[in-house]
Amino acid sequence: MRKFLTIVSILTVGLFFTACGGSDSSSSEGFSKSGKAGSLDITYSSPKPLVTGNNNISVKVTDHGKVVKGAKVEFKTFMPEMPGMPYMEEVKSLSANGDIYNGNINFSMGGTWQVKIFVEKDGKKYKYSSSVIL
């Protein structure tokens, strides 16, 4: 009976470590979030998980399945004022690179950040709202 319990214990510990990230693949997965702004579909992503500090952000904008090119895209992040902490904000104009708009966004601290993506296309303005937790 003691040998059986030893084997079960070893298997349990092995399964625990396997399930809890025995490989590095989960840490290399990127970040992606999407939603709608009027008729536009907006997806913002990063090749790596978002972290405190600088993050490379890509935004893809489509209109009824067609990629939107030549739009003006701004990425705004902010964290509301809280006791002992001032309001924090960063607004970046993203540069077009083919079908994607790119920029470097800095999240200065951990916590919940509000995200607003503003798209101006053919004289119309669209706004997508989201949030991320670091």
C-alpha atoms as a PDB file:
ATOM      1  CA  MET A   1       0.000   0.000   0.000  1.00  0.00           C
ATOM      2  CA  ARG A   2       2.847   2.390   0.824  1.00  0.00           C
ATOM      3  CA  LYS A   3       4.440   1.812  -2.597  1.00  0.00           C
ATOM      4  CA  PHE A   4       1.096   2.596  -4.281  1.00  0.00           C
ATOM      5  CA  LEU A   5       0.764   5.905  -2.368  1.00  0.00           C
ATOM      6  CA  THR A   6       4.330   6.854  -3.307  1.00  0.00           C
ATOM      7  CA  ILE A   7       3.637   6.239  -7.008  1.00  0.00           C
ATOM      8  CA  VAL A   8       0.367   8.205  -6.877  1.00  0.00           C
ATOM      9  CA  SER A   9       2.136  11.096  -5.117  1.00  0.00           C
ATOM     10  CA  ILE A  10       4.910  11.214  -7.719  1.00  0.00           C
ATOM     11  CA  LEU A  11       2.396  11.149 -10.579  1.00  0.00           C
ATOM     12  CA  THR A  12       0.330  13.903  -8.948  1.00  0.00           C
ATOM     13  CA  VAL A  13       3.359  16.165  -8.514  1.00  0.00           C
ATOM     14  CA  GLY A  14       4.441  15.479 -12.107  1.00  0.00           C
ATOM     15  CA  LEU A  15       0.984  16.338 -13.460  1.00  0.00           C
ATOM     16  CA  PHE A  16       0.920  19.504 -11.348  1.00  0.00           C
ATOM     17  CA  PHE A  17       4.195  20.775 -12.821  1.00  0.00           C
ATOM     18  CA  THR A  18       3.132  19.839 -16.350  1.00  0.00           C
ATOM     19  CA  ALA A  19      -0.186  21.672 -16.012  1.00  0.00           C
ATOM     20  CA  CYS A  20       1.383  24.732 -14.365  1.00  0.00           C
ATOM     21  CA  GLY A  21       3.757  25.586 -17.169  1.00  0.00           C
ATOM     22  CA  GLY A  22       6.423  22.997 -17.558  1.00  0.00           C
ATOM     23  CA  SER A  23       7.211  24.657 -20.901  1.00  0.00           C
ATOM     24  CA  ASP A  24       7.848  28.247 -21.900  1.00  0.00           C
ATOM     25  CA  SER A  25       5.261  28.312 -24.716  1.00  0.00           C
ATOM     26  CA  SER A  26       2.546  30.019 -22.647  1.00  0.00           C
ATOM     27  CA  SER A  27       4.829  32.915 -21.729  1.00  0.00           C
ATOM     28  CA  SER A  28       5.631  33.625 -25.384  1.00  0.00           C
ATOM     29  CA  GLU A  29       2.003  33.899 -26.454  1.00  0.00           C
ATOM     30  CA  GLY A  30       1.002  37.371 -27.475  1.00  0.00           C
ATOM     31  CA  PHE A  31      -1.962  39.539 -26.635  1.00  0.00           C
ATOM     32  CA  SER A  32      -4.992  40.279 -28.802  1.00  0.00           C
ATOM     33  CA  LYS A  33      -8.351  41.957 -28.271  1.00  0.00           C
ATOM     34  CA  SER A  34     -11.013  43.040 -30.735  1.00  0.00           C
ATOM     35  CA  GLY A  35     -14.386  44.698 -31.064  1.00  0.00           C
ATOM     36  CA  LYS A  36     -16.509  47.058 -33.135  1.00  0.00           C
ATOM     37  CA  ALA A  37     -16.541  50.814 -33.663  1.00  0.00           C
ATOM     38  CA  GLY A  38     -19.593  51.510 -35.800  1.00  0.00           C
ATOM     39  CA  SER A  39     -19.163  49.481 -38.999  1.00  0.00           C
ATOM     40  CA  LEU A  40     -15.440  48.987 -38.342  1.00  0.00           C
ATOM     41  CA  ASP A  41     -13.888  45.901 -36.802  1.00  0.00           C
ATOM     42  CA  ILE A  42     -10.858  46.818 -34.689  1.00  0.00           C
ATOM     43  CA  THR A  43      -8.246  44.358 -33.435  1.00  0.00           C
ATOM     44  CA  TYR A  44      -5.292  45.443 -31.352  1.00  0.00           C
ATOM     45  CA  SER A  45      -2.509  43.057 -30.487  1.00  0.00           C
ATOM     46  CA  SER A  46       1.050  42.625 -29.338  1.00  0.00           C
ATOM     47  CA  PRO A  47       3.451  39.814 -30.263  1.00  0.00           C
ATOM     48  CA  LYS A  48       4.248  39.388 -26.547  1.00  0.00           C
ATOM     49  CA  PRO A  49       2.065  39.602 -23.427  1.00  0.00           C
ATOM     50  CA  LEU A  50       1.528  43.196 -22.303  1.00  0.00           C
ATOM     51  CA  VAL A  51       3.881  44.339 -19.550  1.00  0.00           C
ATOM     52  CA  THR A  52       4.593  47.415 -17.472  1.00  0.00           C
ATOM     53  CA  GLY A  53       6.815  49.554 -19.679  1.00  0.00           C
ATOM     54  CA  ASN A  54       7.076  49.660 -23.472  1.00  0.00           C
ATOM     55  CA  ASN A  55       4.868  47.434 -25.646  1.00  0.00           C
ATOM     56  CA  ASN A  56       4.729  47.125 -29.439  1.00  0.00           C
ATOM     57  CA  ILE A  57       1.070  47.456 -30.395  1.00  0.00           C
ATOM     58  CA  SER A  58      -0.480  46.703 -33.779  1.00  0.00           C
ATOM     59  CA  VAL A  59      -3.988  47.757 -34.778  1.00  0.00           C
ATOM     60  CA  LYS A  60      -5.874  46.208 -37.680  1.00  0.00           C
ATOM     61  CA  VAL A  61      -8.966  48.002 -38.970  1.00  0.00           C
ATOM     62  CA  THR A  62     -11.460  46.390 -41.353  1.00  0.00           C
ATOM     63  CA  ASP A  63     -14.739  47.621 -42.780  1.00  0.00           C
ATOM     64  CA  HIS A  64     -17.127  44.834 -43.788  1.00  0.00           C
ATOM     65  CA  GLY A  65     -14.148  42.468 -44.098  1.00  0.00           C
ATOM     66  CA  LYS A  66     -11.994  44.815 -46.187  1.00  0.00           C
ATOM     67  CA  VAL A  67      -8.775  46.199 -44.724  1.00  0.00           C
ATOM     68  CA  VAL A  68      -8.902  49.952 -44.088  1.00  0.00           C
ATOM     69  CA  LYS A  69      -5.831  51.730 -45.435  1.00  0.00           C
ATOM     70  CA  GLY A  70      -4.921  55.391 -45.233  1.00  0.00           C
ATOM     71  CA  ALA A  71      -6.857  56.098 -42.040  1.00  0.00           C
ATOM     72  CA  LYS A  72      -5.632  58.208 -39.150  1.00  0.00           C
ATOM     73  CA  VAL A  73      -5.375  55.957 -36.077  1.00  0.00           C
ATOM     74  CA  GLU A  74      -4.677  57.146 -32.522  1.00  0.00           C
ATOM     75  CA  PHE A  75      -4.171  54.890 -29.512  1.00  0.00           C
ATOM     76  CA  LYS A  76      -4.978  56.382 -26.113  1.00  0.00           C
ATOM     77  CA  THR A  77      -4.329  54.705 -22.772  1.00  0.00           C
ATOM     78  CA  PHE A  78      -5.261  56.184 -19.435  1.00  0.00           C
ATOM     79  CA  MET A  79      -5.711  55.296 -15.806  1.00  0.00           C
ATOM     80  CA  PRO A  80      -8.143  57.410 -13.766  1.00  0.00           C
ATOM     81  CA  GLU A  81      -6.991  59.340 -10.723  1.00  0.00           C
ATOM     82  CA  MET A  82      -7.070  57.342  -7.501  1.00  0.00           C
ATOM     83  CA  PRO A  83      -6.202  58.216  -3.902  1.00  0.00           C
ATOM     84  CA  GLY A  84      -2.485  58.933  -3.778  1.00  0.00           C
ATOM     85  CA  MET A  85      -2.081  58.596  -7.556  1.00  0.00           C
ATOM     86  CA  PRO A  86      -2.553  61.176 -10.335  1.00  0.00           C
ATOM     87  CA  TYR A  87      -4.412  60.670 -13.618  1.00  0.00           C
ATOM     88  CA  MET A  88      -2.104  59.052 -16.197  1.00  0.00           C
ATOM     89  CA  GLU A  89      -2.517  59.227 -19.968  1.00  0.00           C
ATOM     90  CA  GLU A  90      -0.629  58.562 -23.185  1.00  0.00           C
ATOM     91  CA  VAL A  91      -1.876  59.260 -26.719  1.00  0.00           C
ATOM     92  CA  LYS A  92       0.051  57.999 -29.749  1.00  0.00           C
ATOM     93  CA  SER A  93      -0.595  58.418 -33.445  1.00  0.00           C
ATOM     94  CA  LEU A  94       0.074  55.039 -35.004  1.00  0.00           C
ATOM     95  CA  SER A  95       1.996  54.721 -38.243  1.00  0.00           C
ATOM     96  CA  ALA A  96       0.693  52.655 -41.144  1.00  0.00           C
ATOM     97  CA  ASN A  97       2.718  49.642 -42.193  1.00  0.00           C
ATOM     98  CA  GLY A  98       0.831  47.870 -44.969  1.00  0.00           C
ATOM     99  CA  ASP A  99      -2.497  46.656 -43.560  1.00  0.00           C
ATOM    100  CA  ILE A 100      -1.503  47.326 -39.936  1.00  0.00           C
ATOM    101  CA  TYR A 101      -1.040  50.466 -37.827  1.00  0.00           C
ATOM    102  CA  ASN A 102       1.858  50.218 -35.347  1.00  0.00           C
ATOM    103  CA  GLY A 103       3.125  52.086 -32.331  1.00  0.00           C
ATOM    104  CA  ASN A 104       5.031  51.777 -29.086  1.00  0.00           C
ATOM    105  CA  ILE A 105       2.784  52.190 -26.037  1.00  0.00           C
ATOM    106  CA  ASN A 106       4.099  52.638 -22.502  1.00  0.00           C
ATOM    107  CA  PHE A 107       2.080  51.374 -19.547  1.00  0.00           C
ATOM    108  CA  SER A 108       3.856  53.107 -16.664  1.00  0.00           C
ATOM    109  CA  MET A 109       2.520  50.791 -13.945  1.00  0.00           C
ATOM    110  CA  GLY A 110       0.472  47.671 -13.345  1.00  0.00           C
ATOM    111  CA  GLY A 111      -3.291  47.832 -12.943  1.00  0.00           C
ATOM    112  CA  THR A 112      -6.334  48.358 -15.142  1.00  0.00           C
ATOM    113  CA  TRP A 113      -5.744  50.676 -18.098  1.00  0.00           C
ATOM    114  CA  GLN A 114      -8.537  52.075 -20.227  1.00  0.00           C
ATOM    115  CA  VAL A 115      -7.880  51.928 -23.973  1.00  0.00           C
ATOM    116  CA  LYS A 116      -9.481  54.125 -26.628  1.00  0.00           C
ATOM    117  CA  ILE A 117      -8.691  53.697 -30.309  1.00  0.00           C
ATOM    118  CA  PHE A 118      -9.731  56.580 -32.541  1.00  0.00           C
ATOM    119  CA  VAL A 119     -10.000  56.007 -36.289  1.00  0.00           C
ATOM    120  CA  GLU A 120     -10.652  58.762 -38.812  1.00  0.00           C
ATOM    121  CA  LYS A 121     -11.587  57.420 -42.245  1.00  0.00           C
ATOM    122  CA  ASP A 122     -13.090  59.353 -45.153  1.00  0.00           C
ATOM    123  CA  GLY A 123     -14.010  62.264 -42.862  1.00  0.00           C
ATOM    124  CA  LYS A 124     -15.854  60.008 -40.387  1.00  0.00           C
ATOM    125  CA  LYS A 125     -14.630  59.449 -36.835  1.00  0.00           C
ATOM    126  CA  TYR A 126     -14.912  56.143 -34.980  1.00  0.00           C
ATOM    127  CA  LYS A 127     -14.045  55.260 -31.384  1.00  0.00           C
ATOM    128  CA  TYR A 128     -13.387  51.807 -29.908  1.00  0.00           C
ATOM    129  CA  SER A 129     -13.236  51.426 -26.109  1.00  0.00           C
ATOM    130  CA  SER A 130     -11.577  48.612 -24.222  1.00  0.00           C
ATOM    131  CA  SER A 131      -9.395  47.925 -21.200  1.00  0.00           C
ATOM    132  CA  VAL A 132      -6.384  45.829 -20.275  1.00  0.00           C
ATOM    133  CA  ILE A 133      -5.094  44.581 -16.951  1.00  0.00           C
ATOM    134  CA  LEU A 134      -1.349  44.417 -16.343  1.00  0.00           C
END
